[in-house]
Amino acid sequence: MRTVEFHKELPWIISASDDQTIRLWNWQNRGIVAILTGHSHYVMCATFHSEDTLIASCSLDMTVRVWDFFKLKEKVMNK
């Protein structure tokens, strides 16, 4: 695991790691919310946008990706 960050409102933690994934965790129930895949090398950093439902990640594959978790948030919060 390279980085970990708490969401400011949701009970979520985001992690970036060498297995080329970004993982969203729920710290309240200790479960995985989602695993984001798409990078082809170590993910060095992932962070939540301060206002929108976006995640930015960067990787040693020389890419920066932006992920929108709006639908995921709606799905999880409506359970």
Protein backbone atom coordinates (compact mmCIF):
# COMPACT_ATOMS: atom_id res chain seq x y z
CA MET A 1 0.00 0.00 0.00
CA ARG A 2 1.40 3.35 -1.05
CA THR A 3 -1.14 5.88 0.23
CA VAL A 4 -4.26 5.96 2.37
CA GLU A 5 -6.77 8.79 2.74
CA PHE A 6 -10.06 9.25 4.60
CA HIS A 7 -13.07 10.79 2.87
CA LYS A 8 -14.21 13.94 4.66
CA GLU A 9 -17.93 12.93 4.84
CA LEU A 10 -18.38 9.28 3.89
CA PRO A 11 -17.12 6.43 6.07
CA TRP A 12 -14.65 5.54 3.32
CA ILE A 13 -10.90 5.14 3.08
CA ILE A 14 -9.09 5.02 -0.24
CA SER A 15 -5.83 3.14 -0.76
CA ALA A 16 -3.38 2.94 -3.64
CA SER A 17 -1.05 0.00 -3.93
CA ASP A 18 1.52 -1.98 -5.83
CA ASP A 19 -1.07 -4.52 -7.00
CA GLN A 20 -2.17 -1.84 -9.55
CA THR A 21 -5.48 -1.17 -7.80
CA ILE A 22 -7.26 1.59 -5.94
CA ARG A 23 -9.46 0.23 -3.18
CA LEU A 24 -12.35 1.90 -1.41
CA TRP A 25 -12.89 0.62 2.11
CA ASN A 26 -15.73 1.24 4.55
CA TRP A 27 -14.11 1.81 7.94
CA GLN A 28 -17.40 1.34 9.78
CA ASN A 29 -18.04 -2.22 8.66
CA ARG A 30 -14.43 -2.98 7.66
CA GLY A 31 -15.48 -4.09 4.20
CA ILE A 32 -14.39 -3.28 0.68
CA VAL A 33 -16.74 -0.94 -1.19
CA ALA A 34 -14.99 -1.26 -4.57
CA ILE A 35 -11.75 -2.16 -6.31
CA LEU A 36 -10.81 0.17 -9.15
CA THR A 37 -8.60 -1.32 -11.86
CA GLY A 38 -7.08 0.18 -14.96
CA HIS A 39 -3.49 1.07 -14.18
CA SER A 40 -0.79 -1.21 -15.54
CA HIS A 41 1.91 -0.52 -12.94
CA TYR A 42 2.16 0.43 -9.24
CA VAL A 43 -0.41 3.03 -8.18
CA MET A 44 1.59 5.62 -6.30
CA CYS A 45 -1.17 7.92 -5.07
CA ALA A 46 -4.95 8.24 -4.94
CA THR A 47 -6.95 11.08 -3.48
CA PHE A 48 -10.57 12.17 -3.10
CA HIS A 49 -11.63 15.45 -4.72
CA SER A 50 -12.51 17.95 -2.02
CA GLU A 51 -16.03 18.68 -3.35
CA ASP A 52 -17.01 16.35 -6.21
CA THR A 53 -17.47 12.58 -6.35
CA LEU A 54 -14.10 12.15 -8.03
CA ILE A 55 -10.92 10.24 -7.28
CA ALA A 56 -7.59 11.06 -8.93
CA SER A 57 -4.85 8.46 -9.13
CA CYS A 58 -1.36 8.36 -10.57
CA SER A 59 0.77 5.39 -11.46
CA LEU A 60 4.22 4.37 -12.58
CA ASP A 61 2.55 3.46 -15.89
CA MET A 62 2.89 7.22 -16.53
CA THR A 63 -0.85 7.93 -16.38
CA VAL A 64 -3.14 9.98 -14.21
CA ARG A 65 -6.71 8.74 -14.04
CA VAL A 66 -9.86 10.41 -12.77
CA TRP A 67 -12.63 8.15 -11.48
CA ASP A 68 -16.20 9.26 -10.81
CA PHE A 69 -17.79 7.37 -7.92
CA PHE A 70 -21.20 9.09 -8.03
CA LYS A 71 -23.15 5.95 -9.02
CA LEU A 72 -21.18 3.83 -6.58
CA LYS A 73 -21.98 6.26 -3.78
CA GLU A 74 -25.68 6.21 -4.67
CA LYS A 75 -25.72 2.40 -4.77
CA VAL A 76 -23.92 1.99 -1.44
CA MET A 77 -25.82 4.71 0.39
CA ASN A 78 -29.23 3.40 -0.75
CA LYS A 79 -28.74 -0.10 0.67
